[in-house]
């Protein structure tokens, strides 16, 4: 009986079953009509298992160099291993060794998306919290802009794929594809907008005020009662187009001034509940890794997601403000979880 080609998977399964039944390698060879040496070799290889990985010795660096690397890693956050070692004048170390050394003292992380708070920022956040601690937040209109791209964040295009199924192909645009700038507000349990900023328009003070006139004031605010307008507090962040003298004076002529225009602390997206609402809307827009082929189609998705916004959900966010203010005071002006 001559040697044939390699064993098929079905034959390997039978060999394992026969071994469990107590058959010898010679008997298995006869049952499968295979050369005895082929069966014996398969059994031996299976019993040996996978060889252990042999750890190669690291490139040795001195204790002094190690201290320099640690200091450089602290001074150069997000730098590559090569840049860190070069700053210490350490050359000839392979990348695998550099990374192994750095793993003992650091770890790879992404940059924080929120700006750092200095002492002045924290004091202003505390002053803001004290000022509005007794405010009826159901009368505050929280506003903000959001840019919606065609593709959404890359990390959101992940999910479970069944075994045997291929992952869907995502479009890759060499020049980005652009997006739509959207403005909206929330008050008590109501979503105001969303309103689309005209494509190609850069929001400076003049265009921002004109945009509010054409959308917010004409389409929503003027329909409200006099008592509502008297009690409503308008909130906006400190973007240059919002906080400029031109915009402040223009809003004052509209009756939104002094106590009716909320002062806003710097670097405080965590205090604005509409940021949470934007996250909810974005999850709906980009669910299942969805992409869009035109600006109009992504705008239609924004409108559809806004139409499904739950009033109780908005009210939960606006009612969370008392707790946010207390958290700011407890953390002495530090960031709070949103």
Protein backbone atom coordinates (compact mmCIF):
# COMPACT_ATOMS: atom_id res chain seq x y z
CA UNK A 1 0.00 0.00 0.00
CA UNK A 2 1.75 3.21 -1.16
CA UNK A 3 1.65 6.62 0.43
CA UNK A 4 -1.05 8.92 -0.91
CA UNK A 5 -1.73 12.60 -0.63
CA UNK A 6 -2.31 14.35 2.73
CA UNK A 7 -5.14 13.26 4.96
CA UNK A 8 -8.52 14.86 4.40
CA UNK A 9 -10.34 16.53 7.30
CA UNK A 10 -12.93 13.75 7.33
CA UNK A 11 -10.14 11.17 7.66
CA UNK A 12 -8.54 13.10 10.50
CA UNK A 13 -11.88 13.11 12.35
CA UNK A 14 -12.17 9.37 11.93
CA UNK A 15 -8.64 8.82 13.23
CA UNK A 16 -9.47 10.77 16.40
CA UNK A 17 -12.68 8.77 16.85
CA UNK A 18 -10.90 5.43 16.32
CA UNK A 19 -8.19 6.38 18.80
CA UNK A 20 -10.87 7.20 21.37
CA UNK A 21 -12.33 3.73 20.79
CA UNK A 22 -8.92 2.17 21.55
CA UNK A 23 -7.88 1.20 18.00
CA UNK A 24 -4.18 0.94 17.22
CA UNK A 25 -2.56 3.00 14.46
CA UNK A 26 -2.11 -0.18 12.39
CA UNK A 27 -5.80 -1.06 12.62
CA UNK A 28 -6.80 2.54 11.74
CA UNK A 29 -4.57 2.37 8.65
CA UNK A 30 -6.37 -0.77 7.51
CA UNK A 31 -9.81 0.72 8.16
CA UNK A 32 -9.00 3.88 6.20
CA UNK A 33 -6.95 2.04 3.60
CA UNK A 34 -4.04 4.36 4.23
CA UNK A 35 -0.32 3.80 4.67
CA UNK A 36 0.51 3.04 8.30
CA UNK A 37 3.32 5.65 8.27
CA UNK A 38 0.87 8.40 7.26
CA UNK A 39 -1.46 7.58 10.16
CA UNK A 40 1.41 7.30 12.63
CA UNK A 41 2.90 10.64 11.52
CA UNK A 42 -0.47 12.39 11.97
CA UNK A 43 -0.86 10.95 15.49
CA UNK A 44 2.65 12.01 16.49
CA UNK A 45 2.20 15.56 15.16
CA UNK A 46 -1.12 15.88 16.99
CA UNK A 47 0.40 14.80 20.28
CA UNK A 48 3.32 17.22 19.99
CA UNK A 49 0.97 20.24 19.86
CA UNK A 50 2.01 23.76 19.03
CA UNK A 51 5.57 24.71 19.82
CA UNK A 52 6.03 27.40 22.43
CA UNK A 53 7.17 30.76 21.22
CA UNK A 54 10.80 31.38 22.00
CA UNK A 55 11.25 34.81 23.52
CA UNK A 56 14.19 36.56 21.95
CA UNK A 57 16.38 38.60 24.28
CA UNK A 58 15.64 42.33 24.22
CA UNK A 59 18.12 44.89 23.05
CA UNK A 60 19.74 46.01 26.28
CA UNK A 61 19.63 49.65 27.34
CA UNK A 62 21.14 51.11 30.48
CA UNK A 63 19.19 52.24 33.53
CA UNK A 64 20.14 55.84 32.71
CA UNK A 65 18.74 55.49 29.18
CA UNK A 66 15.59 53.92 30.58
CA UNK A 67 15.02 56.95 32.83
CA UNK A 68 15.50 59.25 29.85
CA UNK A 69 12.94 57.28 27.83
CA UNK A 70 10.42 57.54 30.68
CA UNK A 71 10.90 61.32 30.92
CA UNK A 72 10.63 61.71 27.13
CA UNK A 73 7.41 59.68 27.03
CA UNK A 74 5.93 61.99 29.67
CA UNK A 75 6.99 65.14 27.78
CA UNK A 76 5.90 63.87 24.34
CA UNK A 77 2.37 62.44 24.62
CA UNK A 78 1.13 60.62 21.49
CA UNK A 79 4.67 60.52 20.03
CA UNK A 80 5.87 57.39 18.21
CA UNK A 81 8.32 55.01 19.83
CA UNK A 82 10.94 56.05 17.27
CA UNK A 83 10.54 59.76 18.10
CA UNK A 84 10.80 59.07 21.84
CA UNK A 85 13.99 57.04 21.50
CA UNK A 86 15.54 59.49 19.03
CA UNK A 87 14.92 62.35 21.46
CA UNK A 88 17.04 60.40 23.96
CA UNK A 89 19.79 59.80 21.36
CA UNK A 90 19.20 56.03 21.54
CA UNK A 91 19.62 54.41 18.13
CA UNK A 92 19.74 50.89 16.75
CA UNK A 93 16.84 49.59 18.86
CA UNK A 94 14.27 47.55 16.85
CA UNK A 95 10.66 48.68 16.89
CA UNK A 96 9.48 45.53 18.69
CA UNK A 97 11.98 46.19 21.48
CA UNK A 98 11.08 49.90 21.70
CA UNK A 99 7.39 49.02 22.07
CA UNK A 100 8.12 46.30 24.62
CA UNK A 101 10.12 48.77 26.74
CA UNK A 102 7.42 51.45 26.48
CA UNK A 103 4.67 48.99 27.43
CA UNK A 104 6.29 48.68 30.85
CA UNK A 105 5.83 52.39 31.52
CA UNK A 106 3.05 53.63 29.19
CA UNK A 107 0.16 52.56 26.99
CA UNK A 108 -1.21 53.64 23.64
CA UNK A 109 -4.19 55.96 23.97
CA UNK A 110 -6.12 58.42 21.83
CA UNK A 111 -6.00 62.14 22.47
CA UNK A 112 -8.76 63.58 24.65
CA UNK A 113 -11.43 65.24 22.52
CA UNK A 114 -12.24 67.89 25.11
CA UNK A 115 -9.88 70.81 25.80
CA UNK A 116 -8.00 70.88 29.10
CA UNK A 117 -9.36 73.10 31.85
CA UNK A 118 -7.01 75.58 33.47
CA UNK A 119 -7.55 77.26 36.84
CA UNK A 120 -9.45 80.21 35.34
CA UNK A 121 -11.80 77.91 33.43
CA UNK A 122 -12.62 75.96 36.58
CA UNK A 123 -13.33 79.12 38.58
CA UNK A 124 -15.67 80.41 35.87
CA UNK A 125 -17.48 77.07 35.75
CA UNK A 126 -17.99 77.22 39.52
CA UNK A 127 -19.24 80.80 39.35
CA UNK A 128 -21.65 79.82 36.59
CA UNK A 129 -22.98 76.89 38.62
CA UNK A 130 -23.55 79.10 41.66
CA UNK A 131 -25.30 81.76 39.58
CA UNK A 132 -27.81 79.37 37.97
CA UNK A 133 -28.27 76.96 40.87
CA UNK A 134 -31.84 78.13 41.55
CA UNK A 135 -32.83 78.49 37.87
CA UNK A 136 -35.94 76.83 36.46
CA UNK A 137 -34.20 74.94 33.65
CA UNK A 138 -37.48 74.01 31.98
CA UNK A 139 -37.50 77.59 30.68
CA UNK A 140 -33.97 77.46 29.21
CA UNK A 141 -33.53 76.93 25.46
CA UNK A 142 -30.27 74.99 25.00
CA UNK A 143 -28.84 75.50 21.49
CA UNK A 144 -25.86 74.29 19.49
CA UNK A 145 -24.67 73.44 15.98
CA UNK A 146 -23.64 70.00 14.74
CA UNK A 147 -21.85 69.00 11.55
CA UNK A 148 -23.15 65.79 9.98
CA UNK A 149 -20.80 64.13 7.48
CA UNK A 150 -21.66 61.61 4.77
CA UNK A 151 -19.78 58.76 6.43
CA UNK A 152 -19.94 59.42 10.16
CA UNK A 153 -17.20 58.46 12.62
CA UNK A 154 -15.13 55.47 11.45
CA UNK A 155 -15.47 53.72 14.80
CA UNK A 156 -19.25 53.60 14.39
CA UNK A 157 -18.99 51.35 11.31
CA UNK A 158 -18.45 48.29 13.50
CA UNK A 159 -20.81 45.54 14.51
CA UNK A 160 -21.42 41.83 14.64
CA UNK A 161 -21.01 39.82 11.42
CA UNK A 162 -22.36 36.28 11.25
CA UNK A 163 -19.96 33.43 10.57
CA UNK A 164 -19.62 32.79 6.88
CA UNK A 165 -20.84 36.29 6.01
CA UNK A 166 -18.68 39.02 4.52
CA UNK A 167 -18.52 42.48 6.02
CA UNK A 168 -20.24 45.13 3.87
CA UNK A 169 -17.95 47.33 1.77
CA UNK A 170 -17.68 50.97 2.87
CA UNK A 171 -17.11 53.79 0.41
CA UNK A 172 -13.78 55.57 0.68
CA UNK A 173 -13.73 59.16 -0.55
CA UNK A 174 -10.33 60.60 -1.33
CA UNK A 175 -11.49 64.19 -0.77
CA UNK A 176 -13.77 63.56 2.20
CA UNK A 177 -17.24 64.24 0.84
CA UNK A 178 -18.22 67.14 3.07
CA UNK A 179 -21.18 67.42 5.37
CA UNK A 180 -24.15 69.47 6.53
CA UNK A 181 -24.11 72.02 9.36
CA UNK A 182 -27.26 71.79 11.49
CA UNK A 183 -28.58 74.06 14.27
CA UNK A 184 -31.15 73.01 16.86
CA UNK A 185 -32.33 73.65 20.39
CA UNK A 186 -34.12 71.81 23.19
CA UNK A 187 -36.40 73.28 25.84
CA UNK A 188 -38.23 71.27 28.48
CA UNK A 189 -39.54 68.34 26.36
CA UNK A 190 -39.43 69.98 22.92
CA UNK A 191 -36.91 69.84 20.07
CA UNK A 192 -36.57 73.16 18.23
CA UNK A 193 -35.55 72.56 14.64
CA UNK A 194 -33.34 71.14 13.34
CA UNK A 195 -32.51 73.89 10.85
CA UNK A 196 -29.95 73.47 8.06
CA UNK A 197 -27.26 76.06 7.46
CA UNK A 198 -27.00 76.78 3.76
CA UNK A 199 -24.14 74.89 2.11
CA UNK A 200 -21.00 76.96 1.72
CA UNK A 201 -22.03 79.57 4.31
CA UNK A 202 -19.45 80.26 7.00
CA UNK A 203 -21.09 81.32 10.23
CA UNK A 204 -19.65 84.69 11.19
CA UNK A 205 -21.57 87.17 13.34
CA UNK A 206 -23.66 88.57 10.47
CA UNK A 207 -24.53 85.23 8.85
CA UNK A 208 -25.29 83.67 12.25
CA UNK A 209 -27.79 86.41 13.12
CA UNK A 210 -29.36 86.24 9.66
CA UNK A 211 -29.67 82.48 10.01
CA UNK A 212 -31.44 82.82 13.38
CA UNK A 213 -33.77 85.43 11.85
CA UNK A 214 -34.74 83.19 8.91
CA UNK A 215 -35.17 80.00 10.92
CA UNK A 216 -35.49 80.20 14.70
CA UNK A 217 -37.28 83.55 15.01
CA UNK A 218 -39.57 83.32 11.98
CA UNK A 219 -40.41 79.63 12.15
CA UNK A 220 -40.61 78.99 15.90
CA UNK A 221 -40.11 81.91 18.29
CA UNK A 222 -42.74 84.27 16.86
CA UNK A 223 -45.44 81.61 17.31
CA UNK A 224 -44.91 81.58 21.07
CA UNK A 225 -46.98 83.54 23.56
CA UNK A 226 -45.83 86.78 25.20
CA UNK A 227 -45.57 85.09 28.61
CA UNK A 228 -43.37 82.35 27.14
CA UNK A 229 -41.04 84.90 25.53
CA UNK A 230 -40.86 86.85 28.77
CA UNK A 231 -39.67 83.83 30.78
CA UNK A 232 -37.50 82.02 28.20
CA UNK A 233 -33.71 82.05 28.70
CA UNK A 234 -31.61 81.68 25.56
CA UNK A 235 -28.41 79.63 25.87
CA UNK A 236 -25.58 79.52 23.32
CA UNK A 237 -21.91 78.63 23.68
CA UNK A 238 -18.95 80.97 23.30
CA UNK A 239 -18.24 80.42 19.61
CA UNK A 240 -16.90 83.69 18.09
CA UNK A 241 -20.04 84.17 15.96
CA UNK A 242 -22.20 83.76 19.09
CA UNK A 243 -20.31 85.82 21.63
CA UNK A 244 -19.34 88.79 19.41
CA UNK A 245 -20.54 92.31 20.19
CA UNK A 246 -22.51 92.33 16.94
CA UNK A 247 -24.47 89.16 17.82
CA UNK A 248 -25.02 90.26 21.43
CA UNK A 249 -26.41 93.63 20.30
CA UNK A 250 -28.58 91.98 17.64
CA UNK A 251 -30.09 89.54 20.15
CA UNK A 252 -30.69 92.46 22.55
CA UNK A 253 -32.79 94.18 19.88
CA UNK A 254 -34.81 90.97 19.70
CA UNK A 255 -35.48 91.19 23.43
CA UNK A 256 -32.92 88.54 24.42
CA UNK A 257 -30.58 90.39 26.75
CA UNK A 258 -29.32 90.58 30.31
CA UNK A 259 -30.86 87.72 32.36
CA UNK A 260 -32.64 86.33 29.28
CA UNK A 261 -29.27 85.55 27.65
CA UNK A 262 -27.40 82.93 29.65
CA UNK A 263 -23.72 83.55 30.27
CA UNK A 264 -21.69 80.46 29.38
CA UNK A 265 -18.45 79.22 30.95
CA UNK A 266 -15.52 78.40 28.64
CA UNK A 267 -14.72 74.85 27.49
CA UNK A 268 -17.98 73.40 28.81
CA UNK A 269 -19.66 71.09 26.28
CA UNK A 270 -20.27 68.65 29.14
CA UNK A 271 -22.74 71.12 30.69
CA UNK A 272 -24.93 71.51 27.60
CA UNK A 273 -27.65 68.80 27.48
CA UNK A 274 -28.17 69.24 23.73
CA UNK A 275 -24.74 67.64 23.23
CA UNK A 276 -26.30 64.42 24.55
CA UNK A 277 -29.24 64.90 22.21
CA UNK A 278 -26.87 65.26 19.25
CA UNK A 279 -25.24 61.95 20.21
CA UNK A 280 -28.62 60.22 20.23
CA UNK A 281 -29.51 61.67 16.82
CA UNK A 282 -26.13 60.67 15.35
CA UNK A 283 -26.57 57.10 16.58
CA UNK A 284 -29.84 56.98 14.66
CA UNK A 285 -28.33 58.55 11.52
CA UNK A 286 -25.34 56.19 11.33
CA UNK A 287 -26.87 52.99 12.75
CA UNK A 288 -25.51 49.78 11.20
CA UNK A 289 -22.60 51.75 9.70
CA UNK A 290 -24.83 53.61 7.24
CA UNK A 291 -23.24 55.98 4.71
CA UNK A 292 -24.76 58.62 2.43
CA UNK A 293 -24.06 59.60 -1.15
CA UNK A 294 -25.21 63.24 -1.11
CA UNK A 295 -25.67 66.16 1.27
CA UNK A 296 -29.42 66.13 0.66
CA UNK A 297 -29.69 62.47 1.64
CA UNK A 298 -27.82 62.99 4.91
CA UNK A 299 -30.02 66.02 5.67
CA UNK A 300 -33.12 63.87 5.08
CA UNK A 301 -31.67 61.39 7.58
CA UNK A 302 -31.24 64.19 10.14
CA UNK A 303 -34.87 65.25 9.68
CA UNK A 304 -36.07 61.64 9.99
CA UNK A 305 -34.02 61.08 13.16
CA UNK A 306 -35.31 64.34 14.66
CA UNK A 307 -38.88 63.30 13.91
CA UNK A 308 -38.37 60.18 16.07
CA UNK A 309 -36.95 62.08 19.05
CA UNK A 310 -38.84 61.25 22.23
CA UNK A 311 -40.14 64.20 24.29
CA UNK A 312 -39.61 62.28 27.54
CA UNK A 313 -35.99 61.72 26.55
CA UNK A 314 -35.48 65.47 26.03
CA UNK A 315 -37.14 66.24 29.36
CA UNK A 316 -34.80 63.79 31.10
CA UNK A 317 -31.83 65.70 29.67
CA UNK A 318 -33.13 69.16 30.60
CA UNK A 319 -34.03 67.96 34.10
CA UNK A 320 -30.47 66.70 34.56
CA UNK A 321 -29.13 70.25 34.82
CA UNK A 322 -29.56 70.54 38.61
CA UNK A 323 -27.41 67.45 39.03
CA UNK A 324 -24.81 68.75 36.58
CA UNK A 325 -24.44 72.01 38.49
CA UNK A 326 -24.00 70.17 41.78
CA UNK A 327 -21.38 67.91 40.14
CA UNK A 328 -19.44 70.94 38.88
CA UNK A 329 -19.36 72.39 42.38
CA UNK A 330 -18.41 69.05 43.90
CA UNK A 331 -15.53 68.68 41.41
CA UNK A 332 -14.45 72.28 41.96
CA UNK A 333 -15.05 73.20 38.32
CA UNK A 334 -13.69 69.99 36.81
CA UNK A 335 -15.27 68.06 33.97
CA UNK A 336 -18.31 65.96 34.75
CA UNK A 337 -19.52 62.78 33.05
CA UNK A 338 -22.25 63.35 30.47
